[in-house]
Amino acid sequence: MQGQLDEAHATIIQEKEEAKLAIEQAPPVIKEVPVVDNTKLELLKNQNDELEVTSDTVQRPNIT
C-alpha cells in the first residue's frame, strides 16, 4: 500500500515538472484588443467640422 502511495506521489511530481516545462516552452499568447477613445474621436470630428467650414469660407468667391 505504501509503495503504491509513493509511486502515485512520484508520478504527480513528474507530471507537475513536465507541465512547468511545457508552460516555459510554450510561446506567449498576445491578444490585441482594440481601444476606442470616444473623447479623442469626438474632438477630432469637431476639429474636422470646423476646418470644413473654414475651407468652405475660404473657397467661396466674394461677390460684392
PDB file of N, CA and C in Angstrom:
ATOM      1  N   MET A   1       0.828  -1.196   0.000  1.00  0.00           N
ATOM      2  CA  MET A   1       0.000   0.000   0.000  1.00  0.00           C
ATOM      3  C   MET A   1       0.875   1.264   0.000  1.00  0.00           C
ATOM      4  N   GLN A   2       1.890   1.278   0.862  1.00  0.00           N
ATOM      5  CA  GLN A   2       2.788   2.439   0.935  1.00  0.00           C
ATOM      6  C   GLN A   2       3.545   2.611  -0.374  1.00  0.00           C
ATOM      7  N   GLY A   3       3.881   1.493  -0.996  1.00  0.00           N
ATOM      8  CA  GLY A   3       4.588   1.543  -2.267  1.00  0.00           C
ATOM      9  C   GLY A   3       3.742   2.196  -3.351  1.00  0.00           C
ATOM     10  N   GLN A   4       2.471   1.893  -3.387  1.00  0.00           N
ATOM     11  CA  GLN A   4       1.570   2.498  -4.363  1.00  0.00           C
ATOM     12  C   GLN A   4       1.423   3.997  -4.107  1.00  0.00           C
ATOM     13  N   LEU A   5       1.362   4.373  -2.836  1.00  0.00           N
ATOM     14  CA  LEU A   5       1.245   5.782  -2.474  1.00  0.00           C
ATOM     15  C   LEU A   5       2.500   6.550  -2.897  1.00  0.00           C
ATOM     16  N   ASP A   6       3.669   5.957  -2.650  1.00  0.00           N
ATOM     17  CA  ASP A   6       4.928   6.597  -3.059  1.00  0.00           C
ATOM     18  C   ASP A   6       5.015   6.717  -4.579  1.00  0.00           C
ATOM     19  N   GLU A   7       4.554   5.684  -5.275  1.00  0.00           N
ATOM     20  CA  GLU A   7       4.572   5.702  -6.739  1.00  0.00           C
ATOM     21  C   GLU A   7       3.627   6.786  -7.277  1.00  0.00           C
ATOM     22  N   ALA A   8       2.454   6.904  -6.703  1.00  0.00           N
ATOM     23  CA  ALA A   8       1.499   7.930  -7.130  1.00  0.00           C
ATOM     24  C   ALA A   8       2.060   9.325  -6.865  1.00  0.00           C
ATOM     25  N   HIS A   9       2.703   9.490  -5.727  1.00  0.00           N
ATOM     26  CA  HIS A   9       3.299  10.783  -5.381  1.00  0.00           C
ATOM     27  C   HIS A   9       4.411  11.143  -6.374  1.00  0.00           C
ATOM     28  N   ALA A  10       5.243  10.161  -6.716  1.00  0.00           N
ATOM     29  CA  ALA A  10       6.326  10.388  -7.671  1.00  0.00           C
ATOM     30  C   ALA A  10       5.757  10.738  -9.047  1.00  0.00           C
ATOM     31  N   THR A  11       4.676  10.095  -9.437  1.00  0.00           N
ATOM     32  CA  THR A  11       4.038  10.380 -10.724  1.00  0.00           C
ATOM     33  C   THR A  11       3.488  11.802 -10.748  1.00  0.00           C
ATOM     34  N   ILE A  12       2.887  12.211  -9.665  1.00  0.00           N
ATOM     35  CA  ILE A  12       2.336  13.570  -9.575  1.00  0.00           C
ATOM     36  C   ILE A  12       3.451  14.606  -9.691  1.00  0.00           C
ATOM     37  N   ILE A  13       4.551  14.379  -8.999  1.00  0.00           N
ATOM     38  CA  ILE A  13       5.687  15.306  -9.053  1.00  0.00           C
ATOM     39  C   ILE A  13       6.249  15.365 -10.474  1.00  0.00           C
ATOM     40  N   GLN A  14       6.367  14.226 -11.141  1.00  0.00           N
ATOM     41  CA  GLN A  14       6.888  14.186 -12.510  1.00  0.00           C
ATOM     42  C   GLN A  14       5.954  14.931 -13.463  1.00  0.00           C
ATOM     43  N   GLU A  15       4.659  14.720 -13.336  1.00  0.00           N
ATOM     44  CA  GLU A  15       3.701  15.415 -14.197  1.00  0.00           C
ATOM     45  C   GLU A  15       3.732  16.916 -13.956  1.00  0.00           C
ATOM     46  N   LYS A  16       3.911  17.303 -12.713  1.00  0.00           N
ATOM     47  CA  LYS A  16       3.984  18.723 -12.378  1.00  0.00           C
ATOM     48  C   LYS A  16       5.206  19.368 -13.023  1.00  0.00           C
ATOM     49  N   GLU A  17       6.340  18.682 -12.974  1.00  0.00           N
ATOM     50  CA  GLU A  17       7.565  19.194 -13.593  1.00  0.00           C
ATOM     51  C   GLU A  17       7.431  19.261 -15.113  1.00  0.00           C
ATOM     52  N   GLU A  18       6.783  18.258 -15.707  1.00  0.00           N
ATOM     53  CA  GLU A  18       6.551  18.265 -17.149  1.00  0.00           C
ATOM     54  C   GLU A  18       5.634  19.420 -17.555  1.00  0.00           C
ATOM     55  N   ALA A  19       4.634  19.695 -16.742  1.00  0.00           N
ATOM     56  CA  ALA A  19       3.720  20.803 -17.025  1.00  0.00           C
ATOM     57  C   ALA A  19       4.450  22.142 -16.945  1.00  0.00           C
ATOM     58  N   LYS A  20       5.315  22.302 -15.938  1.00  0.00           N
ATOM     59  CA  LYS A  20       6.107  23.529 -15.820  1.00  0.00           C
ATOM     60  C   LYS A  20       6.972  23.731 -17.054  1.00  0.00           C
ATOM     61  N   LEU A  21       7.620  22.652 -17.503  1.00  0.00           N
ATOM     62  CA  LEU A  21       8.484  22.714 -18.681  1.00  0.00           C
ATOM     63  C   LEU A  21       7.670  23.079 -19.928  1.00  0.00           C
ATOM     64  N   ALA A  22       6.505  22.481 -20.077  1.00  0.00           N
ATOM     65  CA  ALA A  22       5.652  22.776 -21.234  1.00  0.00           C
ATOM     66  C   ALA A  22       5.213  24.244 -21.227  1.00  0.00           C
ATOM     67  N   ILE A  23       4.903  24.770 -20.057  1.00  0.00           N
ATOM     68  CA  ILE A  23       4.495  26.176 -19.938  1.00  0.00           C
ATOM     69  C   ILE A  23       5.656  27.092 -20.294  1.00  0.00           C
ATOM     70  N   GLU A  24       6.847  26.776 -19.835  1.00  0.00           N
ATOM     71  CA  GLU A  24       8.024  27.596 -20.126  1.00  0.00           C
ATOM     72  C   GLU A  24       8.358  27.594 -21.612  1.00  0.00           C
ATOM     73  N   GLN A  25       8.143  26.472 -22.284  1.00  0.00           N
ATOM     74  CA  GLN A  25       8.491  26.346 -23.696  1.00  0.00           C
ATOM     75  C   GLN A  25       7.398  26.861 -24.629  1.00  0.00           C
ATOM     76  N   ALA A  26       6.209  27.012 -24.134  1.00  0.00           N
ATOM     77  CA  ALA A  26       5.094  27.471 -24.970  1.00  0.00           C
ATOM     78  C   ALA A  26       5.296  28.942 -25.343  1.00  0.00           C
ATOM     79  N   PRO A  27       4.974  29.293 -26.586  1.00  0.00           N
ATOM     80  CA  PRO A  27       5.103  30.695 -26.980  1.00  0.00           C
ATOM     81  C   PRO A  27       4.045  31.531 -26.260  1.00  0.00           C
ATOM     82  N   PRO A  28       4.372  32.784 -25.968  1.00  0.00           N
ATOM     83  CA  PRO A  28       3.394  33.628 -25.295  1.00  0.00           C
ATOM     84  C   PRO A  28       2.221  33.953 -26.222  1.00  0.00           C
ATOM     85  N   VAL A  29       1.065  34.055 -25.642  1.00  0.00           N
ATOM     86  CA  VAL A  29      -0.129  34.397 -26.410  1.00  0.00           C
ATOM     87  C   VAL A  29      -0.364  35.891 -26.238  1.00  0.00           C
ATOM     88  N   ILE A  30      -0.304  36.595 -27.358  1.00  0.00           N
ATOM     89  CA  ILE A  30      -0.520  38.043 -27.318  1.00  0.00           C
ATOM     90  C   ILE A  30      -1.846  38.321 -28.006  1.00  0.00           C
ATOM     91  N   LYS A  31      -2.753  38.850 -27.260  1.00  0.00           N
ATOM     92  CA  LYS A  31      -4.070  39.145 -27.809  1.00  0.00           C
ATOM     93  C   LYS A  31      -4.219  40.653 -27.903  1.00  0.00           C
ATOM     94  N   GLU A  32      -4.438  41.125 -29.123  1.00  0.00           N
ATOM     95  CA  GLU A  32      -4.609  42.557 -29.322  1.00  0.00           C
ATOM     96  C   GLU A  32      -6.074  42.914 -29.129  1.00  0.00           C
ATOM     97  N   VAL A  33      -6.291  43.945 -28.363  1.00  0.00           N
ATOM     98  CA  VAL A  33      -7.641  44.405 -28.091  1.00  0.00           C
ATOM     99  C   VAL A  33      -7.750  45.838 -28.584  1.00  0.00           C
ATOM    100  N   PRO A  34      -8.687  46.099 -29.483  1.00  0.00           N
ATOM    101  CA  PRO A  34      -8.822  47.478 -29.963  1.00  0.00           C
ATOM    102  C   PRO A  34      -9.303  48.397 -28.840  1.00  0.00           C
ATOM    103  N   VAL A  35      -8.682  49.550 -28.779  1.00  0.00           N
ATOM    104  CA  VAL A  35      -9.056  50.527 -27.766  1.00  0.00           C
ATOM    105  C   VAL A  35      -9.670  51.719 -28.480  1.00  0.00           C
ATOM    106  N   VAL A  36     -10.860  52.070 -28.103  1.00  0.00           N
ATOM    107  CA  VAL A  36     -11.548  53.183 -28.730  1.00  0.00           C
ATOM    108  C   VAL A  36     -11.654  54.309 -27.715  1.00  0.00           C
ATOM    109  N   ASP A  37     -11.082  55.438 -28.083  1.00  0.00           N
ATOM    110  CA  ASP A  37     -11.143  56.622 -27.227  1.00  0.00           C
ATOM    111  C   ASP A  37     -12.183  57.559 -27.827  1.00  0.00           C
ATOM    112  N   ASN A  38     -13.417  57.446 -27.346  1.00  0.00           N
ATOM    113  CA  ASN A  38     -14.505  58.237 -27.908  1.00  0.00           C
ATOM    114  C   ASN A  38     -14.293  59.727 -27.714  1.00  0.00           C
ATOM    115  N   THR A  39     -13.645  60.109 -26.633  1.00  0.00           N
ATOM    116  CA  THR A  39     -13.374  61.524 -26.382  1.00  0.00           C
ATOM    117  C   THR A  39     -12.480  62.083 -27.478  1.00  0.00           C
ATOM    118  N   LYS A  40     -11.424  61.370 -27.794  1.00  0.00           N
ATOM    119  CA  LYS A  40     -10.493  61.813 -28.833  1.00  0.00           C
ATOM    120  C   LYS A  40     -11.173  61.813 -30.202  1.00  0.00           C
ATOM    121  N   LEU A  41     -11.976  60.791 -30.474  1.00  0.00           N
ATOM    122  CA  LEU A  41     -12.691  60.744 -31.749  1.00  0.00           C
ATOM    123  C   LEU A  41     -13.643  61.931 -31.893  1.00  0.00           C
ATOM    124  N   GLU A  42     -14.349  62.258 -30.835  1.00  0.00           N
ATOM    125  CA  GLU A  42     -15.287  63.387 -30.876  1.00  0.00           C
ATOM    126  C   GLU A  42     -14.539  64.699 -31.078  1.00  0.00           C
ATOM    127  N   LEU A  43     -13.412  64.864 -30.399  1.00  0.00           N
ATOM    128  CA  LEU A  43     -12.597  66.067 -30.542  1.00  0.00           C
ATOM    129  C   LEU A  43     -12.115  66.217 -31.985  1.00  0.00           C
ATOM    130  N   LEU A  44     -11.612  65.137 -32.560  1.00  0.00           N
ATOM    131  CA  LEU A  44     -11.127  65.187 -33.937  1.00  0.00           C
ATOM    132  C   LEU A  44     -12.266  65.445 -34.923  1.00  0.00           C
ATOM    133  N   LYS A  45     -13.431  64.878 -34.661  1.00  0.00           N
ATOM    134  CA  LYS A  45     -14.588  65.125 -35.530  1.00  0.00           C
ATOM    135  C   LYS A  45     -14.978  66.592 -35.491  1.00  0.00           C
ATOM    136  N   ASN A  46     -14.994  67.172 -34.306  1.00  0.00           N
ATOM    137  CA  ASN A  46     -15.329  68.598 -34.180  1.00  0.00           C
ATOM    138  C   ASN A  46     -14.302  69.471 -34.888  1.00  0.00           C
ATOM    139  N   GLN A  47     -13.033  69.148 -34.735  1.00  0.00           N
ATOM    140  CA  GLN A  47     -11.993  69.916 -35.421  1.00  0.00           C
ATOM    141  C   GLN A  47     -12.127  69.785 -36.928  1.00  0.00           C
ATOM    142  N   ASN A  48     -12.462  68.612 -37.392  1.00  0.00           N
ATOM    143  CA  ASN A  48     -12.646  68.382 -38.819  1.00  0.00           C
ATOM    144  C   ASN A  48     -13.825  69.215 -39.337  1.00  0.00           C
ATOM    145  N   ASP A  49     -14.911  69.242 -38.589  1.00  0.00           N
ATOM    146  CA  ASP A  49     -16.070  70.048 -38.988  1.00  0.00           C
ATOM    147  C   ASP A  49     -15.701  71.528 -39.065  1.00  0.00           C
ATOM    148  N   GLU A  50     -14.942  72.009 -38.077  1.00  0.00           N
ATOM    149  CA  GLU A  50     -14.521  73.410 -38.081  1.00  0.00           C
ATOM    150  C   GLU A  50     -13.642  73.711 -39.295  1.00  0.00           C
ATOM    151  N   LEU A  51     -12.750  72.805 -39.622  1.00  0.00           N
ATOM    152  CA  LEU A  51     -11.877  73.001 -40.781  1.00  0.00           C
ATOM    153  C   LEU A  51     -12.676  72.996 -42.086  1.00  0.00           C
ATOM    154  N   GLU A  52     -13.689  72.173 -42.168  1.00  0.00           N
ATOM    155  CA  GLU A  52     -14.529  72.158 -43.363  1.00  0.00           C
ATOM    156  C   GLU A  52     -15.256  73.493 -43.530  1.00  0.00           C
ATOM    157  N   VAL A  53     -15.757  74.045 -42.450  1.00  0.00           N
ATOM    158  CA  VAL A  53     -16.433  75.343 -42.507  1.00  0.00           C
ATOM    159  C   VAL A  53     -15.442  76.418 -42.929  1.00  0.00           C
ATOM    160  N   THR A  54     -14.252  76.399 -42.346  1.00  0.00           N
ATOM    161  CA  THR A  54     -13.219  77.378 -42.699  1.00  0.00           C
ATOM    162  C   THR A  54     -12.827  77.220 -44.165  1.00  0.00           C
ATOM    163  N   SER A  55     -12.684  75.994 -44.618  1.00  0.00           N
ATOM    164  CA  SER A  55     -12.317  75.726 -46.012  1.00  0.00           C
ATOM    165  C   SER A  55     -13.396  76.230 -46.959  1.00  0.00           C
ATOM    166  N   ASP A  56     -14.658  75.999 -46.617  1.00  0.00           N
ATOM    167  CA  ASP A  56     -15.755  76.483 -47.453  1.00  0.00           C
ATOM    168  C   ASP A  56     -15.754  78.002 -47.520  1.00  0.00           C
ATOM    169  N   THR A  57     -15.466  78.660 -46.413  1.00  0.00           N
ATOM    170  CA  THR A  57     -15.442  80.122 -46.365  1.00  0.00           C
ATOM    171  C   THR A  57     -14.321  80.661 -47.237  1.00  0.00           C
ATOM    172  N   VAL A  58     -13.170  80.042 -47.200  1.00  0.00           N
ATOM    173  CA  VAL A  58     -12.015  80.497 -47.967  1.00  0.00           C
ATOM    174  C   VAL A  58     -12.229  80.233 -49.457  1.00  0.00           C
ATOM    175  N   GLN A  59     -12.825  79.146 -49.805  1.00  0.00           N
ATOM    176  CA  GLN A  59     -13.008  78.772 -51.207  1.00  0.00           C
ATOM    177  C   GLN A  59     -14.171  79.511 -51.868  1.00  0.00           C
ATOM    178  N   ARG A  60     -15.096  80.019 -51.100  1.00  0.00           N
ATOM    179  CA  ARG A  60     -16.241  80.721 -51.659  1.00  0.00           C
ATOM    180  C   ARG A  60     -15.785  82.056 -52.236  1.00  0.00           C
ATOM    181  N   PRO A  61     -16.144  82.333 -53.472  1.00  0.00           N
ATOM    182  CA  PRO A  61     -15.741  83.637 -54.052  1.00  0.00           C
ATOM    183  C   PRO A  61     -16.526  84.778 -53.420  1.00  0.00           C
ATOM    184  N   ASN A  62     -15.850  85.865 -53.238  1.00  0.00           N
ATOM    185  CA  ASN A  62     -16.502  87.060 -52.669  1.00  0.00           C
ATOM    186  C   ASN A  62     -17.262  87.777 -53.778  1.00  0.00           C
ATOM    187  N   ILE A  63     -18.553  87.917 -53.615  1.00  0.00           N
ATOM    188  CA  ILE A  63     -19.381  88.620 -54.582  1.00  0.00           C
ATOM    189  C   ILE A  63     -19.807  89.944 -53.945  1.00  0.00           C
ATOM    190  N   THR A  64     -19.328  91.027 -54.515  1.00  0.00           N
ATOM    191  CA  THR A  64     -19.694  92.338 -53.989  1.00  0.00           C
ATOM    192  C   THR A  64     -20.250  93.221 -55.049  1.00  0.00           C
TER     193      THR A  64
END
